[in-house]
C-alpha atoms as a PDB file:
ATOM      1  CA  UNK A   1      12.794  -1.832   1.790  1.00  0.00           C
ATOM      2  CA  UNK A   2      15.173  -1.297   4.713  1.00  0.00           C
ATOM      3  CA  UNK A   3      17.604  -3.966   3.532  1.00  0.00           C
ATOM      4  CA  UNK A   4      18.046  -2.126   0.224  1.00  0.00           C
ATOM      5  CA  UNK A   5      18.547   1.181   2.020  1.00  0.00           C
ATOM      6  CA  UNK A   6      20.970  -0.369   4.505  1.00  0.00           C
ATOM      7  CA  UNK A   7      23.015  -1.842   1.684  1.00  0.00           C
ATOM      8  CA  UNK A   8      23.293   1.572   0.047  1.00  0.00           C
ATOM      9  CA  UNK A   9      24.286   3.179   3.352  1.00  0.00           C
ATOM     10  CA  UNK A  10      26.976   0.553   3.805  1.00  0.00           C
ATOM     11  CA  UNK A  11      28.434   1.508   0.440  1.00  0.00           C
ATOM     12  CA  UNK A  12      28.377   5.157   1.435  1.00  0.00           C
ATOM     13  CA  UNK A  13      30.284   4.665   4.682  1.00  0.00           C
ATOM     14  CA  UNK A  14      32.483   1.724   3.723  1.00  0.00           C
ATOM     15  CA  UNK A  15      35.424   3.769   2.356  1.00  0.00           C
ATOM     16  CA  UNK A  16      35.640   5.724   5.609  1.00  0.00           C
ATOM     17  CA  UNK A  17      35.410   2.541   7.626  1.00  0.00           C
ATOM     18  CA  UNK A  18      38.122   0.952   5.526  1.00  0.00           C
ATOM     19  CA  UNK A  19      40.411   3.881   6.135  1.00  0.00           C
ATOM     20  CA  UNK A  20      40.279   3.279   9.875  1.00  0.00           C
ATOM     21  CA  UNK A  21      39.829  -0.488   9.880  1.00  0.00           C
ATOM     22  CA  UNK A  22      43.517  -1.352  10.134  1.00  0.00           C
ATOM     23  CA  UNK A  23      45.362   1.134  12.372  1.00  0.00           C
ATOM     24  CA  UNK A  24      49.114   0.889  12.904  1.00  0.00           C
ATOM     25  CA  UNK A  25      49.808  -1.421  15.874  1.00  0.00           C
ATOM     26  CA  UNK A  26      50.721   0.393  19.079  1.00  0.00           C
ATOM     27  CA  UNK A  27      52.863  -0.849  21.914  1.00  0.00           C
ATOM     28  CA  UNK A  28      51.060   1.079  24.621  1.00  0.00           C
ATOM     29  CA  UNK A  29      47.443   0.480  25.543  1.00  0.00           C
ATOM     30  CA  UNK A  30      46.424   4.097  25.817  1.00  0.00           C
ATOM     31  CA  UNK A  31      42.960   5.404  24.876  1.00  0.00           C
ATOM     32  CA  UNK A  32      42.027   5.395  21.212  1.00  0.00           C
ATOM     33  CA  UNK A  33      41.791   8.939  19.820  1.00  0.00           C
ATOM     34  CA  UNK A  34      38.606  10.010  18.102  1.00  0.00           C
ATOM     35  CA  UNK A  35      38.336   9.524  14.338  1.00  0.00           C
ATOM     36  CA  UNK A  36      39.272  12.420  12.074  1.00  0.00           C
ATOM     37  CA  UNK A  37      36.487  14.284  10.268  1.00  0.00           C
ATOM     38  CA  UNK A  38      37.630  12.848   6.928  1.00  0.00           C
ATOM     39  CA  UNK A  39      37.246   9.273   8.167  1.00  0.00           C
ATOM     40  CA  UNK A  40      33.669   9.568   9.406  1.00  0.00           C
ATOM     41  CA  UNK A  41      30.257  10.691   8.135  1.00  0.00           C
ATOM     42  CA  UNK A  42      30.206  13.113  11.063  1.00  0.00           C
ATOM     43  CA  UNK A  43      32.208  16.242  11.797  1.00  0.00           C
ATOM     44  CA  UNK A  44      33.699  16.397  15.276  1.00  0.00           C
ATOM     45  CA  UNK A  45      32.506  18.592  18.112  1.00  0.00           C
ATOM     46  CA  UNK A  46      33.424  18.947  21.779  1.00  0.00           C
ATOM     47  CA  UNK A  47      30.788  16.542  23.100  1.00  0.00           C
ATOM     48  CA  UNK A  48      29.042  15.464  19.953  1.00  0.00           C
ATOM     49  CA  UNK A  49      29.278  15.098  16.191  1.00  0.00           C
ATOM     50  CA  UNK A  50      27.119  16.828  13.622  1.00  0.00           C
ATOM     51  CA  UNK A  51      26.219  15.382  10.253  1.00  0.00           C
ATOM     52  CA  UNK A  52      28.521  16.659   7.553  1.00  0.00           C
ATOM     53  CA  UNK A  53      26.519  18.322   4.717  1.00  0.00           C
ATOM     54  CA  UNK A  54      28.485  16.710   1.906  1.00  0.00           C
ATOM     55  CA  UNK A  55      28.209  13.263   3.447  1.00  0.00           C
ATOM     56  CA  UNK A  56      24.490  13.806   4.072  1.00  0.00           C
ATOM     57  CA  UNK A  57      23.985  14.470   0.357  1.00  0.00           C
ATOM     58  CA  UNK A  58      25.669  11.144  -0.404  1.00  0.00           C
ATOM     59  CA  UNK A  59      23.361   9.417   2.055  1.00  0.00           C
ATOM     60  CA  UNK A  60      20.271  11.099   0.586  1.00  0.00           C
ATOM     61  CA  UNK A  61      21.276  10.146  -2.960  1.00  0.00           C
ATOM     62  CA  UNK A  62      21.771   6.512  -1.955  1.00  0.00           C
ATOM     63  CA  UNK A  63      18.498   6.594  -0.036  1.00  0.00           C
ATOM     64  CA  UNK A  64      16.694   7.827  -3.149  1.00  0.00           C
ATOM     65  CA  UNK A  65      18.102   5.008  -5.296  1.00  0.00           C
ATOM     66  CA  UNK A  66      17.265   2.350  -2.715  1.00  0.00           C
ATOM     67  CA  UNK A  67      13.677   3.552  -2.321  1.00  0.00           C
ATOM     68  CA  UNK A  68      13.090   3.694  -6.066  1.00  0.00           C
ATOM     69  CA  UNK A  69      14.401   0.130  -6.315  1.00  0.00           C
ATOM     70  CA  UNK A  70      11.873  -0.816  -3.619  1.00  0.00           C
ATOM     71  CA  UNK A  71       8.915   0.502  -5.661  1.00  0.00           C
ATOM     72  CA  UNK A  72       8.545   3.679  -3.615  1.00  0.00           C
ATOM     73  CA  UNK A  73       6.937   6.338  -5.810  1.00  0.00           C
ATOM     74  CA  UNK A  74       8.815   9.563  -6.496  1.00  0.00           C
ATOM     75  CA  UNK A  75       6.492  11.864  -4.464  1.00  0.00           C
ATOM     76  CA  UNK A  76       6.886   9.583  -1.428  1.00  0.00           C
ATOM     77  CA  UNK A  77      10.633   9.430  -1.844  1.00  0.00           C
ATOM     78  CA  UNK A  78      10.833  13.224  -2.015  1.00  0.00           C
ATOM     79  CA  UNK A  79       8.771  13.565   1.173  1.00  0.00           C
ATOM     80  CA  UNK A  80      10.958  11.060   3.056  1.00  0.00           C
ATOM     81  CA  UNK A  81      14.126  12.670   1.756  1.00  0.00           C
ATOM     82  CA  UNK A  82      12.972  16.086   3.001  1.00  0.00           C
ATOM     83  CA  UNK A  83      12.129  14.614   6.400  1.00  0.00           C
ATOM     84  CA  UNK A  84      15.532  12.956   6.668  1.00  0.00           C
ATOM     85  CA  UNK A  85      17.422  16.081   5.628  1.00  0.00           C
ATOM     86  CA  UNK A  86      15.473  18.121   8.170  1.00  0.00           C
ATOM     87  CA  UNK A  87      16.060  15.603  10.941  1.00  0.00           C
ATOM     88  CA  UNK A  88      19.779  15.082  10.371  1.00  0.00           C
ATOM     89  CA  UNK A  89      21.231  18.200   8.773  1.00  0.00           C
ATOM     90  CA  UNK A  90      23.524  19.925  11.243  1.00  0.00           C
ATOM     91  CA  UNK A  91      22.087  17.984  14.163  1.00  0.00           C
ATOM     92  CA  UNK A  92      24.382  16.963  17.004  1.00  0.00           C
ATOM     93  CA  UNK A  93      24.619  13.260  17.712  1.00  0.00           C
ATOM     94  CA  UNK A  94      25.951  11.753  20.916  1.00  0.00           C
ATOM     95  CA  UNK A  95      29.300  10.036  20.787  1.00  0.00           C
ATOM     96  CA  UNK A  96      28.714   6.504  19.564  1.00  0.00           C
ATOM     97  CA  UNK A  97      25.571   7.451  17.687  1.00  0.00           C
ATOM     98  CA  UNK A  98      25.377   5.482  14.470  1.00  0.00           C
ATOM     99  CA  UNK A  99      24.470   6.938  11.090  1.00  0.00           C
ATOM    100  CA  UNK A 100      22.481   3.843  10.170  1.00  0.00           C
ATOM    101  CA  UNK A 101      20.429   4.049  13.370  1.00  0.00           C
ATOM    102  CA  UNK A 102      19.800   7.767  12.881  1.00  0.00           C
ATOM    103  CA  UNK A 103      18.641   7.252   9.296  1.00  0.00           C
ATOM    104  CA  UNK A 104      16.470   4.316  10.267  1.00  0.00           C
ATOM    105  CA  UNK A 105      14.801   6.254  13.082  1.00  0.00           C
ATOM    106  CA  UNK A 106      13.953   9.143  10.767  1.00  0.00           C
ATOM    107  CA  UNK A 107      12.650   6.825   8.054  1.00  0.00           C
ATOM    108  CA  UNK A 108      10.440   4.877  10.437  1.00  0.00           C
ATOM    109  CA  UNK A 109       8.929   8.091  11.766  1.00  0.00           C
ATOM    110  CA  UNK A 110       8.173   9.293   8.225  1.00  0.00           C
ATOM    111  CA  UNK A 111       6.658   5.989   7.164  1.00  0.00           C
ATOM    112  CA  UNK A 112       4.451   5.770  10.261  1.00  0.00           C
ATOM    113  CA  UNK A 113       3.139   9.262   9.590  1.00  0.00           C
ATOM    114  CA  UNK A 114       2.318   8.404   5.979  1.00  0.00           C
ATOM    115  CA  UNK A 115       0.605   5.106   6.800  1.00  0.00           C
ATOM    116  CA  UNK A 116      -1.361   6.411   9.775  1.00  0.00           C
ATOM    117  CA  UNK A 117      -5.042   6.615   8.835  1.00  0.00           C
ATOM    118  CA  UNK A 118      -8.216   6.404  10.927  1.00  0.00           C
ATOM    119  CA  UNK A 119      -9.311   2.767  11.335  1.00  0.00           C
ATOM    120  CA  UNK A 120     -12.215   1.570   9.189  1.00  0.00           C
ATOM    121  CA  UNK A 121     -14.330  -1.446  10.112  1.00  0.00           C
ATOM    122  CA  UNK A 122     -16.298  -2.484   7.031  1.00  0.00           C
ATOM    123  CA  UNK A 123     -18.627  -4.779   8.951  1.00  0.00           C
ATOM    124  CA  UNK A 124     -19.536  -2.043  11.429  1.00  0.00           C
ATOM    125  CA  UNK A 125     -20.026   0.518   8.659  1.00  0.00           C
ATOM    126  CA  UNK A 126     -22.269  -1.823   6.683  1.00  0.00           C
ATOM    127  CA  UNK A 127     -24.285  -2.754   9.770  1.00  0.00           C
ATOM    128  CA  UNK A 128     -24.935   0.836  10.859  1.00  0.00           C
ATOM    129  CA  UNK A 129     -25.425   2.411   7.433  1.00  0.00           C
ATOM    130  CA  UNK A 130     -28.836   3.851   6.634  1.00  0.00           C
ATOM    131  CA  UNK A 131     -30.698   3.497   4.436  1.00  0.00           C
ATOM    132  CA  UNK A 132     -30.098  -0.103   3.453  1.00  0.00           C
ATOM    133  CA  UNK A 133     -28.507  -1.566   1.496  1.00  0.00           C
ATOM    134  CA  UNK A 134     -24.864  -0.590   1.935  1.00  0.00           C
ATOM    135  CA  UNK A 135     -23.407  -0.584  -1.592  1.00  0.00           C
ATOM    136  CA  UNK A 136     -19.757  -1.256  -2.389  1.00  0.00           C
ATOM    137  CA  UNK A 137     -18.366  -0.680  -5.888  1.00  0.00           C
ATOM    138  CA  UNK A 138     -15.119  -2.431  -6.865  1.00  0.00           C
ATOM    139  CA  UNK A 139     -12.873  -0.936  -9.552  1.00  0.00           C
ATOM    140  CA  UNK A 140      -9.438  -1.763 -10.898  1.00  0.00           C
ATOM    141  CA  UNK A 141      -7.514  -3.024 -13.914  1.00  0.00           C
ATOM    142  CA  UNK A 142      -7.286  -6.525 -15.334  1.00  0.00           C
ATOM    143  CA  UNK A 143      -5.500  -9.232 -13.402  1.00  0.00           C
ATOM    144  CA  UNK A 144      -5.449  -7.660  -9.952  1.00  0.00           C
ATOM    145  CA  UNK A 145      -7.670 -10.270  -8.302  1.00  0.00           C
ATOM    146  CA  UNK A 146     -10.696  -7.976  -8.138  1.00  0.00           C
ATOM    147  CA  UNK A 147     -13.375 -10.643  -8.615  1.00  0.00           C
ATOM    148  CA  UNK A 148     -11.730 -12.881  -6.013  1.00  0.00           C
ATOM    149  CA  UNK A 149     -11.568  -9.886  -3.671  1.00  0.00           C
ATOM    150  CA  UNK A 150     -15.317  -9.338  -4.101  1.00  0.00           C
ATOM    151  CA  UNK A 151     -15.885 -12.935  -2.985  1.00  0.00           C
ATOM    152  CA  UNK A 152     -13.534 -12.515  -0.005  1.00  0.00           C
ATOM    153  CA  UNK A 153     -15.330  -9.350   1.102  1.00  0.00           C
ATOM    154  CA  UNK A 154     -18.654 -11.172   0.731  1.00  0.00           C
ATOM    155  CA  UNK A 155     -17.375 -13.932   2.982  1.00  0.00           C
ATOM    156  CA  UNK A 156     -16.127 -11.397   5.512  1.00  0.00           C
ATOM    157  CA  UNK A 157     -19.474  -9.620   5.667  1.00  0.00           C
ATOM    158  CA  UNK A 158     -21.395 -12.884   5.808  1.00  0.00           C
ATOM    159  CA  UNK A 159     -19.250 -13.992   8.739  1.00  0.00           C
ATOM    160  CA  UNK A 160     -20.248 -10.719  10.408  1.00  0.00           C
ATOM    161  CA  UNK A 161     -23.906 -11.850  10.172  1.00  0.00           C
ATOM    162  CA  UNK A 162     -24.783  -9.483   7.337  1.00  0.00           C
ATOM    163  CA  UNK A 163     -26.831 -10.540   4.315  1.00  0.00           C
ATOM    164  CA  UNK A 164     -25.102  -9.964   0.994  1.00  0.00           C
ATOM    165  CA  UNK A 165     -25.907  -9.990  -2.715  1.00  0.00           C
ATOM    166  CA  UNK A 166     -23.290  -9.753  -5.472  1.00  0.00           C
ATOM    167  CA  UNK A 167     -23.816  -8.016  -8.823  1.00  0.00           C
ATOM    168  CA  UNK A 168     -21.799  -9.737 -11.557  1.00  0.00           C
ATOM    169  CA  UNK A 169     -21.027  -6.513 -13.374  1.00  0.00           C
ATOM    170  CA  UNK A 170     -18.112  -7.859 -15.406  1.00  0.00           C
ATOM    171  CA  UNK A 171     -20.261  -8.785 -18.377  1.00  0.00           C
ATOM    172  CA  UNK A 172     -17.345  -8.711 -20.812  1.00  0.00           C
ATOM    173  CA  UNK A 173     -15.979 -12.016 -19.532  1.00  0.00           C
ATOM    174  CA  UNK A 174     -18.202 -15.046 -19.223  1.00  0.00           C
ATOM    175  CA  UNK A 175     -15.470 -16.491 -17.025  1.00  0.00           C
ATOM    176  CA  UNK A 176     -15.912 -13.705 -14.488  1.00  0.00           C
ATOM    177  CA  UNK A 177     -19.636 -14.405 -14.195  1.00  0.00           C
ATOM    178  CA  UNK A 178     -19.011 -18.129 -13.785  1.00  0.00           C
ATOM    179  CA  UNK A 179     -16.305 -17.422 -11.239  1.00  0.00           C
ATOM    180  CA  UNK A 180     -18.684 -15.386  -9.098  1.00  0.00           C
ATOM    181  CA  UNK A 181     -21.406 -18.041  -9.406  1.00  0.00           C
ATOM    182  CA  UNK A 182     -18.988 -20.626  -8.029  1.00  0.00           C
ATOM    183  CA  UNK A 183     -18.016 -18.318  -5.162  1.00  0.00           C
ATOM    184  CA  UNK A 184     -21.663 -17.519  -4.478  1.00  0.00           C
ATOM    185  CA  UNK A 185     -22.555 -21.200  -4.276  1.00  0.00           C
ATOM    186  CA  UNK A 186     -19.676 -21.904  -1.909  1.00  0.00           C
ATOM    187  CA  UNK A 187     -20.540 -18.960   0.320  1.00  0.00           C
ATOM    188  CA  UNK A 188     -24.315 -19.330   0.122  1.00  0.00           C
ATOM    189  CA  UNK A 189     -24.661 -15.847  -1.372  1.00  0.00           C
ATOM    190  CA  UNK A 190     -26.982 -14.783  -4.199  1.00  0.00           C
ATOM    191  CA  UNK A 191     -25.279 -13.595  -7.397  1.00  0.00           C
ATOM    192  CA  UNK A 192     -27.342 -11.392  -9.721  1.00  0.00           C
ATOM    193  CA  UNK A 193     -26.278 -11.722 -13.352  1.00  0.00           C
ATOM    194  CA  UNK A 194     -27.371 -11.255 -16.952  1.00  0.00           C
ATOM    195  CA  UNK A 195     -26.108 -12.520 -20.276  1.00  0.00           C
ATOM    196  CA  UNK A 196     -22.522 -11.908 -21.327  1.00  0.00           C
ATOM    197  CA  UNK A 197     -22.332  -8.512 -23.026  1.00  0.00           C
ATOM    198  CA  UNK A 198     -25.280  -7.069 -21.095  1.00  0.00           C
ATOM    199  CA  UNK A 199     -25.231  -3.536 -19.729  1.00  0.00           C
ATOM    200  CA  UNK A 200     -23.263  -3.716 -16.442  1.00  0.00           C
ATOM    201  CA  UNK A 201     -25.242  -0.799 -15.011  1.00  0.00           C
ATOM    202  CA  UNK A 202     -28.452  -2.790 -15.567  1.00  0.00           C
ATOM    203  CA  UNK A 203     -26.979  -5.736 -13.667  1.00  0.00           C
ATOM    204  CA  UNK A 204     -26.034  -3.468 -10.785  1.00  0.00           C
ATOM    205  CA  UNK A 205     -29.525  -1.923 -10.779  1.00  0.00           C
ATOM    206  CA  UNK A 206     -31.148  -5.389 -10.686  1.00  0.00           C
ATOM    207  CA  UNK A 207     -28.995  -6.339  -7.698  1.00  0.00           C
ATOM    208  CA  UNK A 208     -29.970  -3.125  -5.940  1.00  0.00           C
ATOM    209  CA  UNK A 209     -33.674  -3.721  -6.556  1.00  0.00           C
ATOM    210  CA  UNK A 210     -33.347  -7.306  -5.296  1.00  0.00           C
ATOM    211  CA  UNK A 211     -31.601  -6.093  -2.135  1.00  0.00           C
ATOM    212  CA  UNK A 212     -34.292  -3.531  -1.420  1.00  0.00           C
ATOM    213  CA  UNK A 213     -37.095  -6.028  -1.979  1.00  0.00           C
ATOM    214  CA  UNK A 214     -35.466  -8.725   0.189  1.00  0.00           C
ATOM    215  CA  UNK A 215     -34.056  -6.288   2.759  1.00  0.00           C
ATOM    216  CA  UNK A 216     -30.487  -7.409   2.081  1.00  0.00           C
ATOM    217  CA  UNK A 217     -27.837  -5.534   4.050  1.00  0.00           C
ATOM    218  CA  UNK A 218     -25.053  -5.199   1.460  1.00  0.00           C
ATOM    219  CA  UNK A 219     -24.706  -5.106  -2.328  1.00  0.00           C
ATOM    220  CA  UNK A 220     -21.237  -5.784  -3.777  1.00  0.00           C
ATOM    221  CA  UNK A 221     -20.827  -4.631  -7.374  1.00  0.00           C
ATOM    222  CA  UNK A 222     -18.081  -6.239  -9.417  1.00  0.00           C
ATOM    223  CA  UNK A 223     -16.966  -4.433 -12.583  1.00  0.00           C
ATOM    224  CA  UNK A 224     -14.944  -5.357 -15.632  1.00  0.00           C
ATOM    225  CA  UNK A 225     -11.214  -5.046 -15.168  1.00  0.00           C
ATOM    226  CA  UNK A 226     -10.503  -1.976 -17.204  1.00  0.00           C
ATOM    227  CA  UNK A 227      -7.315  -0.214 -18.092  1.00  0.00           C
ATOM    228  CA  UNK A 228      -7.302   3.176 -16.460  1.00  0.00           C
ATOM    229  CA  UNK A 229      -6.493   4.780 -19.819  1.00  0.00           C
ATOM    230  CA  UNK A 230      -9.560   3.305 -21.590  1.00  0.00           C
ATOM    231  CA  UNK A 231     -11.974   6.223 -21.657  1.00  0.00           C
ATOM    232  CA  UNK A 232     -14.985   4.208 -22.868  1.00  0.00           C
ATOM    233  CA  UNK A 233     -14.730   1.733 -20.036  1.00  0.00           C
ATOM    234  CA  UNK A 234     -14.150   4.511 -17.520  1.00  0.00           C
ATOM    235  CA  UNK A 235     -17.347   6.164 -18.734  1.00  0.00           C
ATOM    236  CA  UNK A 236     -19.163   2.880 -18.238  1.00  0.00           C
ATOM    237  CA  UNK A 237     -17.896   2.694 -14.668  1.00  0.00           C
ATOM    238  CA  UNK A 238     -19.153   6.244 -14.119  1.00  0.00           C
ATOM    239  CA  UNK A 239     -22.581   5.131 -15.332  1.00  0.00           C
ATOM    240  CA  UNK A 240     -22.623   2.241 -12.832  1.00  0.00           C
ATOM    241  CA  UNK A 241     -21.667   4.668 -10.100  1.00  0.00           C
ATOM    242  CA  UNK A 242     -24.502   7.047 -11.020  1.00  0.00           C
ATOM    243  CA  UNK A 243     -27.021   4.195 -11.060  1.00  0.00           C
ATOM    244  CA  UNK A 244     -26.194   2.591  -7.702  1.00  0.00           C
ATOM    245  CA  UNK A 245     -24.674   5.560  -5.797  1.00  0.00           C
ATOM    246  CA  UNK A 246     -22.255   3.425  -3.767  1.00  0.00           C
ATOM    247  CA  UNK A 247     -21.520   4.213  -0.149  1.00  0.00           C
ATOM    248  CA  UNK A 248     -17.999   2.914  -0.662  1.00  0.00           C
ATOM    249  CA  UNK A 249     -15.828   2.688  -3.782  1.00  0.00           C
ATOM    250  CA  UNK A 250     -12.821   0.397  -3.434  1.00  0.00           C
ATOM    251  CA  UNK A 251      -9.834   0.370  -5.740  1.00  0.00           C
ATOM    252  CA  UNK A 252      -8.297  -3.097  -5.979  1.00  0.00           C
ATOM    253  CA  UNK A 253      -4.589  -2.989  -6.804  1.00  0.00           C
ATOM    254  CA  UNK A 254      -1.838  -5.555  -7.252  1.00  0.00           C
ATOM    255  CA  UNK A 255       1.129  -5.111  -4.899  1.00  0.00           C
ATOM    256  CA  UNK A 256       3.395  -6.713  -7.489  1.00  0.00           C
ATOM    257  CA  UNK A 257       2.651  -3.964 -10.027  1.00  0.00           C
ATOM    258  CA  UNK A 258       5.117  -1.577  -8.429  1.00  0.00           C
ATOM    259  CA  UNK A 259       4.638   2.052  -9.361  1.00  0.00           C
ATOM    260  CA  UNK A 260       2.093   1.118 -12.046  1.00  0.00           C
ATOM    261  CA  UNK A 261      -0.483   0.496  -9.325  1.00  0.00           C
ATOM    262  CA  UNK A 262       0.052   4.040  -8.047  1.00  0.00           C
ATOM    263  CA  UNK A 263      -0.662   5.549 -11.456  1.00  0.00           C
ATOM    264  CA  UNK A 264      -3.740   3.339 -11.794  1.00  0.00           C
ATOM    265  CA  UNK A 265      -5.093   4.431  -8.425  1.00  0.00           C
ATOM    266  CA  UNK A 266      -4.499   8.115  -9.178  1.00  0.00           C
ATOM    267  CA  UNK A 267      -6.437   7.970 -12.430  1.00  0.00           C
ATOM    268  CA  UNK A 268      -9.316   5.933 -10.987  1.00  0.00           C
ATOM    269  CA  UNK A 269      -9.553   8.375  -8.120  1.00  0.00           C
ATOM    270  CA  UNK A 270      -9.667  11.313 -10.505  1.00  0.00           C
ATOM    271  CA  UNK A 271     -12.265   9.698 -12.781  1.00  0.00           C
ATOM    272  CA  UNK A 272     -14.519   7.950 -10.258  1.00  0.00           C
ATOM    273  CA  UNK A 273     -13.541   8.870  -6.760  1.00  0.00           C
ATOM    274  CA  UNK A 274     -11.999   6.214  -4.521  1.00  0.00           C
ATOM    275  CA  UNK A 275     -12.730   5.845  -0.812  1.00  0.00           C
ATOM    276  CA  UNK A 276     -10.352   3.041   0.068  1.00  0.00           C
ATOM    277  CA  UNK A 277      -7.896   0.504  -1.280  1.00  0.00           C
ATOM    278  CA  UNK A 278      -7.579  -3.263  -1.232  1.00  0.00           C
ATOM    279  CA  UNK A 279      -4.025  -4.355  -2.009  1.00  0.00           C
ATOM    280  CA  UNK A 280      -3.779  -7.911  -3.321  1.00  0.00           C
ATOM    281  CA  UNK A 281      -0.843 -10.343  -3.494  1.00  0.00           C
ATOM    282  CA  UNK A 282       0.946  -8.658  -0.613  1.00  0.00           C
ATOM    283  CA  UNK A 283       2.282 -12.060   0.480  1.00  0.00           C
ATOM    284  CA  UNK A 284       4.344 -12.228  -2.735  1.00  0.00           C
ATOM    285  CA  UNK A 285       5.591  -8.636  -2.625  1.00  0.00           C
ATOM    286  CA  UNK A 286       9.222  -8.662  -1.484  1.00  0.00           C
ATOM    287  CA  UNK A 287       9.768  -4.901  -1.811  1.00  0.00           C
ATOM    288  CA  UNK A 288       6.859  -3.337   0.052  1.00  0.00           C
ATOM    289  CA  UNK A 289       6.916   0.103  -1.528  1.00  0.00           C
ATOM    290  CA  UNK A 290       3.501  -0.165  -3.197  1.00  0.00           C
ATOM    291  CA  UNK A 291       1.532   0.077   0.052  1.00  0.00           C
ATOM    292  CA  UNK A 292       3.464   3.126   1.192  1.00  0.00           C
ATOM    293  CA  UNK A 293       3.134   4.820  -2.181  1.00  0.00           C
ATOM    294  CA  UNK A 294      -0.595   4.155  -2.580  1.00  0.00           C
ATOM    295  CA  UNK A 295      -1.466   5.639   0.789  1.00  0.00           C
ATOM    296  CA  UNK A 296       0.644   8.755   0.276  1.00  0.00           C
ATOM    297  CA  UNK A 297      -0.249   9.528  -3.337  1.00  0.00           C
ATOM    298  CA  UNK A 298      -4.007   8.943  -3.070  1.00  0.00           C
ATOM    299  CA  UNK A 299      -4.465  10.072   0.513  1.00  0.00           C
ATOM    300  CA  UNK A 300      -6.822   7.100   0.926  1.00  0.00           C
ATOM    301  CA  UNK A 301      -6.469   4.276   3.445  1.00  0.00           C
ATOM    302  CA  UNK A 302      -5.618   0.693   2.601  1.00  0.00           C
ATOM    303  CA  UNK A 303      -8.502  -1.185   4.201  1.00  0.00           C
ATOM    304  CA  UNK A 304      -7.545  -4.780   3.438  1.00  0.00           C
ATOM    305  CA  UNK A 305      -4.647  -6.740   1.999  1.00  0.00           C
ATOM    306  CA  UNK A 306      -4.747 -10.065   0.219  1.00  0.00           C
ATOM    307  CA  UNK A 307      -2.345 -12.707   1.505  1.00  0.00           C
ATOM    308  CA  UNK A 308      -3.482 -15.783  -0.427  1.00  0.00           C
ATOM    309  CA  UNK A 309      -6.290 -17.363  -2.424  1.00  0.00           C
ATOM    310  CA  UNK A 310      -8.528 -18.550   0.434  1.00  0.00           C
ATOM    311  CA  UNK A 311     -11.552 -16.630   1.674  1.00  0.00           C
ATOM    312  CA  UNK A 312      -9.779 -16.046   4.963  1.00  0.00           C
ATOM    313  CA  UNK A 313      -6.707 -14.645   3.202  1.00  0.00           C
ATOM    314  CA  UNK A 314      -7.991 -11.094   3.321  1.00  0.00           C
ATOM    315  CA  UNK A 315      -6.950  -9.245   6.452  1.00  0.00           C
ATOM    316  CA  UNK A 316      -7.345  -5.675   7.703  1.00  0.00           C
ATOM    317  CA  UNK A 317      -4.351  -3.532   6.860  1.00  0.00           C
ATOM    318  CA  UNK A 318      -2.079  -3.064   9.881  1.00  0.00           C
ATOM    319  CA  UNK A 319       0.215  -0.018   9.552  1.00  0.00           C
ATOM    320  CA  UNK A 320       2.453  -1.195  12.412  1.00  0.00           C
ATOM    321  CA  UNK A 321       2.882  -4.594  10.780  1.00  0.00           C
ATOM    322  CA  UNK A 322       3.755  -2.894   7.495  1.00  0.00           C
ATOM    323  CA  UNK A 323       6.392  -0.738   9.208  1.00  0.00           C
ATOM    324  CA  UNK A 324       7.917  -3.869  10.758  1.00  0.00           C
ATOM    325  CA  UNK A 325       7.889  -5.535   7.369  1.00  0.00           C
ATOM    326  CA  UNK A 326       9.466  -2.594   5.552  1.00  0.00           C
ATOM    327  CA  UNK A 327      12.238  -2.339   8.136  1.00  0.00           C
ATOM    328  CA  UNK A 328      12.852  -6.050   8.691  1.00  0.00           C
ATOM    329  CA  UNK A 329      16.467  -7.100   8.320  1.00  0.00           C
ATOM    330  CA  UNK A 330      17.315  -9.197   5.287  1.00  0.00           C
ATOM    331  CA  UNK A 331      14.177  -8.414   3.238  1.00  0.00           C
ATOM    332  CA  UNK A 332      13.277  -6.224   0.313  1.00  0.00           C
ATOM    333  CA  UNK A 333      16.306  -5.879  -1.850  1.00  0.00           C
END
């Protein structure tokens, strides 16, 4: 994201820089006078320079374009723009202070505030939850990697010495059931299933009853990938939720979906209630705005991010690492 913003800032200040880049040669070696107000994004003062209002508007406009190009949702962009205007408007900057550095400092502070959420350890929560089992419901649209994420979470919990059962609630696709059976065999985890086309809520209920009878710690409920605008499928998801009463509902979103994933999360949260987010395919996301937008718009934390296809390629979300990624030089154009 920062590379796109930096490029826009360079365009904003380049004409002024060009105007002073080639001064008339001087014979004497006297001190260089300060730049004129028209040749700088700052107006002059006795000991400092303050940000010129007109130039600040140019910077804010370019910032807005760069963030939108980086998949930052409009509400997030507006919040960051307000923060930047508040931090820079009319403020005195020490001689030598750089506009780029000032903008970057304000942006980083805003992003850290947005991403900062209380830490959540799924293994600890599942281990201490009473009564057993701890039930996790997974929701999301088609193609986000939701079923694979269920398997990754199962592996994570199993590695934390918790017993797990998976409910194959995507009964619309025989492939989804088979996929979970393969994962279950590899992980040594029981998968409860019924015939293709069966009632998903019944599958979830069977898994819950099995967990109670066998004293299993965690039930993971997969669901059919449903478009957030499909009211019938949303109603079905509501039925599953009523039947199993999950302790945790996770929205699984695709980082490559840009602002679409934000709209999906908003509607799932409104219809079902979402407690946390798993963001998949983050390793392939070169822009980085989806994570920032999801956290701000939903107000819910990103708990895990997918970084590959392996079971170990699901890692806890690290806000500091995301800030470093968003503001890395030469990335996110």
